Protein backbone atom coordinates (compact mmCIF):
# COMPACT_ATOMS: atom_id res chain seq x y z
CA MET A 1 -0.05 -0.07 -0.06
CA TRP A 2 2.37 2.77 1.21
CA ARG A 3 6.31 2.38 1.45
CA ASN A 4 8.70 4.75 2.98
CA GLY A 5 9.89 6.84 0.60
CA ASP A 6 7.79 5.96 -2.18
CA ALA A 7 7.40 8.87 -4.61
CA LEU A 8 8.05 10.42 -8.15
CA GLU A 9 11.77 10.23 -8.55
CA GLY A 10 13.41 13.40 -8.20
CA THR A 11 10.53 15.41 -6.52
CA MET A 12 10.81 14.35 -3.09
CA PRO A 13 13.31 14.45 -0.18
CA ASP A 14 14.94 11.88 1.15
CA ALA A 15 13.13 9.79 4.02
CA LYS A 16 13.91 10.44 7.17
CA PRO A 17 14.85 8.23 9.82
CA PRO A 18 12.51 6.10 11.84
CA ILE A 19 10.78 7.93 14.58
CA GLY A 20 12.09 5.71 17.71
CA THR A 21 9.67 4.40 20.13
CA LEU A 22 6.10 5.54 21.33
CA GLY A 23 7.81 6.30 24.63
CA GLU A 24 9.88 9.01 23.27
CA ASN A 25 6.99 10.30 21.00
CA VAL A 26 4.16 10.56 23.58
CA HIS A 27 2.36 12.87 20.51
CA LEU A 28 1.96 9.10 18.66
CA ARG A 29 0.04 7.47 21.66
CA LEU A 30 -3.71 7.45 21.95
CA ASN A 31 -5.28 9.20 24.56
CA GLN A 32 -5.57 7.89 28.21
CA HIS A 33 -9.32 6.70 27.65
CA GLU A 34 -8.14 5.16 24.33
CA ASP A 35 -4.77 3.87 26.15
CA ALA A 36 -7.47 2.18 28.57
CA ASN A 37 -9.52 0.66 25.99
CA LEU A 38 -6.87 -0.95 23.74
CA LEU A 39 -4.32 -2.05 26.50
CA ARG A 40 -6.68 -3.12 29.26
CA GLY A 41 -5.67 -6.71 30.22
CA MET A 42 -2.46 -6.84 28.39
CA GLN A 43 0.69 -8.48 29.45
CA PRO A 44 3.90 -6.14 29.53
CA ALA A 45 5.21 -7.80 26.37
CA LYS A 46 2.24 -7.57 24.28
CA VAL A 47 1.88 -3.59 25.23
CA ILE A 48 5.83 -3.40 23.75
CA ASP A 49 4.48 -5.23 20.62
CA PHE A 50 1.48 -3.15 20.28
CA ASN A 51 3.83 0.06 20.55
CA ASP A 52 6.49 -1.45 18.45
CA THR A 53 3.64 -2.33 15.67
CA LEU A 54 1.87 1.10 15.65
CA VAL A 55 5.57 2.81 15.35
CA GLU A 56 6.41 0.24 12.22
CA ARG A 57 3.06 1.39 10.51
CA VAL A 58 3.13 4.96 11.11
CA ASN A 59 6.86 4.97 9.62
CA ASN A 60 5.50 3.04 6.73
CA LEU A 61 3.02 5.61 6.43
CA ARG A 62 5.09 9.05 6.98
CA TRP A 63 5.63 9.48 2.73
CA ARG A 64 2.65 9.33 0.64
CA ALA A 65 2.57 7.59 -2.73
CA PRO A 66 1.78 9.55 -5.45
CA ARG A 67 -0.34 6.86 -7.28
CA ASP A 68 -2.87 7.02 -4.45
CA GLY A 69 -4.42 9.99 -6.17
CA PRO A 70 -6.07 12.96 -4.16
CA PRO A 71 -6.46 12.98 -0.64
CA SER A 72 -10.01 11.54 0.39
CA PRO A 73 -12.36 9.82 2.93
CA GLN A 74 -11.31 6.54 1.78
CA GLU A 75 -7.33 7.08 2.11
CA LEU A 76 -8.53 8.61 5.97
CA SER A 77 -9.89 5.35 6.57
CA ARG A 78 -7.26 3.16 4.81
CA VAL A 79 -4.61 5.13 7.08
CA HIS A 80 -6.34 4.19 10.26
CA LYS A 81 -7.26 0.70 9.06
CA TYR A 82 -3.27 0.47 8.04
CA ILE A 83 -2.16 1.60 11.63
CA PHE A 84 -4.77 -0.35 13.57
CA GLY A 85 -5.54 -3.51 11.85
CA ASN A 86 -5.65 -6.62 14.03
CA LEU A 87 -5.01 -4.49 16.93
CA TYR A 88 -8.70 -3.63 17.31
CA PRO A 89 -11.99 -4.94 15.54
CA GLN A 90 -13.24 -1.70 14.08
CA ALA A 91 -9.79 -0.27 12.56
CA GLY A 92 -10.78 1.77 9.42
CA ASN A 93 -14.52 1.86 10.14
CA TYR A 94 -16.58 4.81 11.14
CA ARG A 95 -17.75 4.76 15.00
CA GLY A 96 -21.43 4.32 16.04
CA ILE A 97 -22.42 6.77 18.77
CA ARG A 98 -20.40 7.25 22.06
CA THR A 99 -21.13 8.24 25.61
CA ASN A 100 -18.31 8.88 27.77
CA ALA A 101 -17.01 4.94 28.18
CA LEU A 102 -20.40 3.39 26.66
CA SER A 103 -20.83 3.17 22.79
CA GLN A 104 -23.43 1.92 20.61
CA ASP A 105 -22.12 -0.15 17.50
CA ILE A 106 -22.83 0.97 14.11
CA SER A 107 -24.70 -2.35 13.76
CA SER A 108 -27.81 -0.73 15.69
CA ALA A 109 -30.18 1.96 14.14
CA MET A 110 -29.06 4.56 16.59
CA GLY A 111 -25.07 4.02 15.67
CA ALA A 112 -26.00 3.80 11.90
CA ARG A 113 -27.35 7.18 11.95
CA ALA A 114 -23.90 8.46 13.54
CA GLY A 115 -22.09 6.42 11.26
CA ARG A 116 -24.00 8.25 8.54
CA ARG A 117 -23.55 11.57 10.12
CA ILE A 118 -19.87 11.00 10.53
CA ALA A 119 -19.62 10.11 7.01
CA ALA A 120 -21.16 13.02 5.83
CA GLN A 121 -19.00 15.48 7.84
CA ILE A 122 -15.81 13.90 6.69
CA THR A 123 -17.01 13.90 2.81
CA GLU A 124 -17.82 17.76 3.32
CA LEU A 125 -14.34 18.13 5.00
CA PHE A 126 -12.53 16.65 2.06
CA ASP A 127 -14.86 18.27 -0.38
CA ASN A 128 -13.79 21.82 0.75
CA LEU A 129 -10.25 20.41 0.43
CA LYS A 130 -10.97 19.68 -3.42
CA ARG A 131 -12.61 23.20 -3.79
CA GLN A 132 -9.25 24.52 -2.66
CA ARG A 133 -7.27 22.16 -5.23
CA TYR A 134 -5.96 20.04 -2.23
CA LEU A 135 -3.82 23.24 -1.34
CA VAL A 136 -1.74 22.45 -4.45
CA GLY A 137 0.11 25.92 -5.58
CA THR A 138 -1.19 27.42 -2.38
CA PRO A 139 1.21 30.01 -0.62
CA LYS A 140 3.04 28.07 2.50
CA GLU A 141 1.52 30.41 4.92
CA GLU A 142 -2.43 29.44 3.78
CA MET A 143 -1.29 25.99 3.58
CA VAL A 144 0.00 25.96 7.32
CA TRP A 145 -3.54 27.55 8.34
CA GLN A 146 -5.66 24.99 6.29
CA LEU A 147 -3.58 22.13 7.55
CA ALA A 148 -4.04 22.94 11.02
CA ASN A 149 -7.72 23.57 10.19
CA THR A 150 -8.20 20.00 8.69
CA VAL A 151 -6.65 18.52 11.68
CA ARG A 152 -8.95 20.25 14.32
CA SER A 153 -11.89 19.35 12.06
CA ILE A 154 -10.96 15.82 12.01
CA ASN A 155 -10.80 15.50 15.80
CA GLU A 156 -13.79 17.22 16.43
CA ILE A 157 -15.77 14.97 14.23
CA GLU A 158 -14.08 12.04 15.63
CA PRO A 159 -14.86 9.52 13.00
CA PHE A 160 -12.91 6.53 14.78
CA TYR A 161 -13.74 4.90 18.23
CA ASN A 162 -9.68 5.09 18.96
CA GLY A 163 -6.62 6.65 17.22
CA THR A 164 -8.52 9.44 15.45
CA ARG A 165 -5.36 11.95 16.80
CA LEU A 166 -2.88 9.79 15.31
CA ALA A 167 -4.64 9.07 11.80
CA SER A 168 -4.99 12.96 11.42
CA LEU A 169 -1.37 13.77 11.75
CA VAL A 170 -0.65 11.25 9.01
CA ILE A 171 -3.35 12.54 6.86
CA ALA A 172 -2.01 15.93 7.38
CA ASN A 173 1.44 14.62 6.30
CA HIS A 174 -0.30 13.34 3.21
CA ILE A 175 -2.25 16.48 2.22
CA ALA A 176 1.00 18.56 2.42
CA GLN A 177 2.94 15.89 0.26
CA TYR A 178 0.26 15.75 -2.20
CA ALA A 179 0.47 19.68 -2.39
CA ARG A 180 4.33 19.15 -3.09
CA ASN A 181 5.51 20.31 0.35
CA GLU A 182 7.78 18.24 2.80
CA LEU A 183 6.02 17.84 5.99
CA ASP A 184 6.89 15.29 8.70
CA LEU A 185 5.08 15.90 12.11
CA PHE A 186 6.47 12.65 13.46
CA SER A 187 9.80 14.64 13.82
CA THR A 188 8.39 16.89 16.45
CA GLY A 189 9.69 16.61 19.83
CA THR A 190 7.31 15.19 22.26
CA ILE A 191 6.38 18.19 24.48
CA GLU A 192 5.90 20.43 21.57
CA MET A 193 3.72 18.23 19.85
CA GLN A 194 1.94 17.38 23.22
CA THR A 195 1.59 20.88 24.04
CA ALA A 196 0.15 21.80 20.64
CA LEU A 197 -2.33 18.99 20.45
CA THR A 198 -3.52 19.95 24.03
CA ALA A 199 -3.79 23.44 23.30
CA MET A 200 -6.05 22.41 20.27
CA ARG A 201 -8.37 20.26 22.17
CA ASP A 202 -8.90 21.95 25.47
CA ASP A 203 -8.67 25.76 24.39
CA ASN A 204 -9.31 25.50 20.34
CA ASP A 205 -5.72 27.18 20.09
CA LEU A 206 -4.12 26.41 16.94
CA ILE A 207 -1.23 28.79 17.19
CA PRO A 208 1.09 26.04 18.45
CA LEU A 209 0.15 23.35 15.77
CA ARG A 210 0.60 25.83 13.06
CA GLN A 211 4.19 26.99 14.31
CA ILE A 212 5.05 23.34 14.18
CA MET A 213 3.55 22.92 10.56
CA ARG A 214 5.44 26.17 9.66
CA ASP A 215 8.78 25.19 11.43
CA ARG A 216 8.74 21.67 9.84
CA SER A 217 7.35 22.12 6.19
CA ARG A 218 9.09 23.20 2.94
CA PRO A 219 8.03 23.40 -0.72
CA TRP A 220 9.74 20.68 -2.78
CA LYS A 221 10.58 23.39 -5.55
CA ALA A 222 12.24 25.25 -2.66
CA ILE A 223 14.29 22.00 -1.86
CA ALA A 224 15.16 21.61 -5.45
CA PHE A 225 16.27 24.86 -5.97
CA ASP A 226 18.53 25.07 -3.00
CA LYS A 227 19.95 21.66 -3.55
CA LEU A 228 20.68 22.83 -7.49
CA ILE A 229 22.05 26.05 -6.50
CA LYS A 230 24.78 24.67 -4.22
CA ALA A 231 25.71 22.20 -7.10
CA GLY A 232 25.73 25.17 -9.67
CA ASP A 233 23.67 23.08 -11.79
CA LEU A 234 21.67 25.84 -14.03
CA LEU A 235 20.59 23.30 -16.93
CA ALA A 236 18.95 21.11 -14.01
CA ILE A 237 17.38 24.22 -12.80
CA ARG A 238 16.10 25.08 -16.21
CA ASN A 239 14.87 21.45 -16.72
CA HIS A 240 12.96 20.92 -13.26
CA VAL A 241 9.20 21.06 -13.87
CA GLU A 242 8.55 23.28 -11.11
CA LEU A 243 11.77 25.90 -11.64
CA GLY A 244 11.17 27.52 -14.71
CA HIS A 245 9.91 30.98 -13.51
CA ALA A 246 13.37 30.48 -11.28
CA TYR A 247 15.34 29.77 -13.94
CA SER A 248 14.37 32.69 -15.81
CA LEU A 249 15.44 34.97 -12.81
CA VAL A 250 18.67 33.25 -12.22
CA SER A 251 19.96 32.91 -15.53
CA GLN A 252 19.28 36.76 -16.21
CA ALA A 253 21.21 37.50 -13.08
CA ILE A 254 24.29 35.18 -13.57
CA ARG A 255 24.68 34.45 -17.50
CA GLY A 256 23.63 37.34 -19.41
CA ASP A 257 25.22 36.06 -23.17
CA ASP A 258 26.96 33.29 -21.45
CA ASP A 259 25.69 29.69 -22.38
CA HIS A 260 27.69 27.80 -19.63
CA ALA A 261 25.30 25.40 -17.64
CA THR A 262 27.00 25.31 -14.49
CA PHE A 263 28.45 27.78 -11.77
CA SER A 264 29.91 28.13 -8.91
CA TYR A 265 27.82 29.75 -6.14
CA GLU A 266 30.71 30.74 -3.86
CA ASN A 267 32.34 32.44 -6.61
CA LEU A 268 29.08 34.77 -7.67
CA PRO A 269 29.35 38.41 -6.85
CA LYS A 270 27.16 39.92 -3.97
CA GLN A 271 24.38 41.54 -6.31
CA GLN A 272 23.71 38.09 -8.04
CA LYS A 273 23.77 36.14 -4.99
CA ALA A 274 20.97 38.79 -3.67
CA VAL A 275 18.80 38.00 -6.63
CA ILE A 276 19.25 34.03 -5.72
CA HIS A 277 18.53 34.84 -2.11
CA LYS A 278 15.36 36.53 -2.97
CA VAL A 279 14.10 33.87 -5.22
CA GLN A 280 14.80 31.35 -2.71
CA ALA A 281 12.65 33.18 -0.14
CA GLU A 282 9.84 33.14 -2.66
CA LEU A 283 10.25 29.39 -3.08
CA GLU A 284 10.19 28.87 0.36
CA ALA A 285 7.24 31.02 0.73
CA GLY A 286 5.23 28.89 -1.68
CA ARG A 287 5.14 31.75 -4.17
CA LEU A 288 6.92 32.51 -7.85
CA ASN A 289 4.12 30.15 -9.30
CA LYS A 290 3.87 32.61 -12.31
CA MET A 291 6.67 34.36 -14.14
CA PRO A 292 7.16 37.69 -12.78
CA SER A 293 7.28 40.90 -14.99
CA GLY A 294 7.24 44.51 -14.63
CA THR A 295 7.84 45.85 -11.18
CA GLU A 296 8.07 42.31 -9.62
CA ARG A 297 10.69 41.42 -11.96
CA ALA A 298 12.65 44.55 -11.22
CA TRP A 299 12.41 43.63 -7.49
CA TYR A 300 14.39 40.85 -7.74
CA PHE A 301 17.23 42.81 -9.39
CA GLY A 302 17.09 45.34 -6.44
CA MET A 303 15.16 48.21 -8.33
CA GLU A 304 13.65 48.83 -5.18
CA VAL A 305 11.96 52.11 -6.49
CA ALA A 306 10.11 50.29 -9.22
CA ARG A 307 8.15 48.86 -6.13
CA GLY A 308 7.70 52.29 -4.17
CA ARG A 309 10.15 51.30 -1.57
């Protein structure tokens, strides 16, 4: 289904190291109520096996396979089923109705109605993402806000009896990656993520979660440009599917009439480096999605007066 690093050649950064153990990554754990339900009666060795199984499965899901198509309710269910399959019987299925520790199975009339309501809410959530083109081409700051809103909405709907929070973080990774951004929420420190999730749940405060997403996300085109600039490979920048506009600016800055395809960044004059820094900053912000012209283009070359500065 998914494999670590399974992606289009040359478009995705290298996979990160494994996330370690759940004891070191508390944000991967289920909440206390879910822990009590799932771990009740387990022997210590079984608990360790349970934790190790979750870690291995989440590692396999950290990077999204492009062939999976746009993010969807079906993907959310597949993610949940993959993580919790054989660990508890309702993996991948929407819950019925829950009141405190009591739950009504979806096979009952009341549970079926609740299941249909949850399905409708999840469908509307992903339909809203579709209307936003799944955040493809969205500036980074807007993507951060929309991703945090999505994580909160999934947790408010609580589509699964157990593990909704974990599934929502995986799906946030996948949405960002579909929009051609690197995001690995599971590289976040335990206390930082736990604080963010608690603020989201208890205070409806998304500021800490947004900051995590902001700090740990980069557009793939920004990563590629950074790497190719350091390599001095102008030809590769020109041929990259997302860097045509960046190439136009960089080639104007450093080549002129020179047809050489390689250069040494370290040996470039200060003014040429300044153009590259501006291009990099725009790519990092998820912009430069169209060819700049007029005053916009002049700004890259230090003609600040043209922008009224």
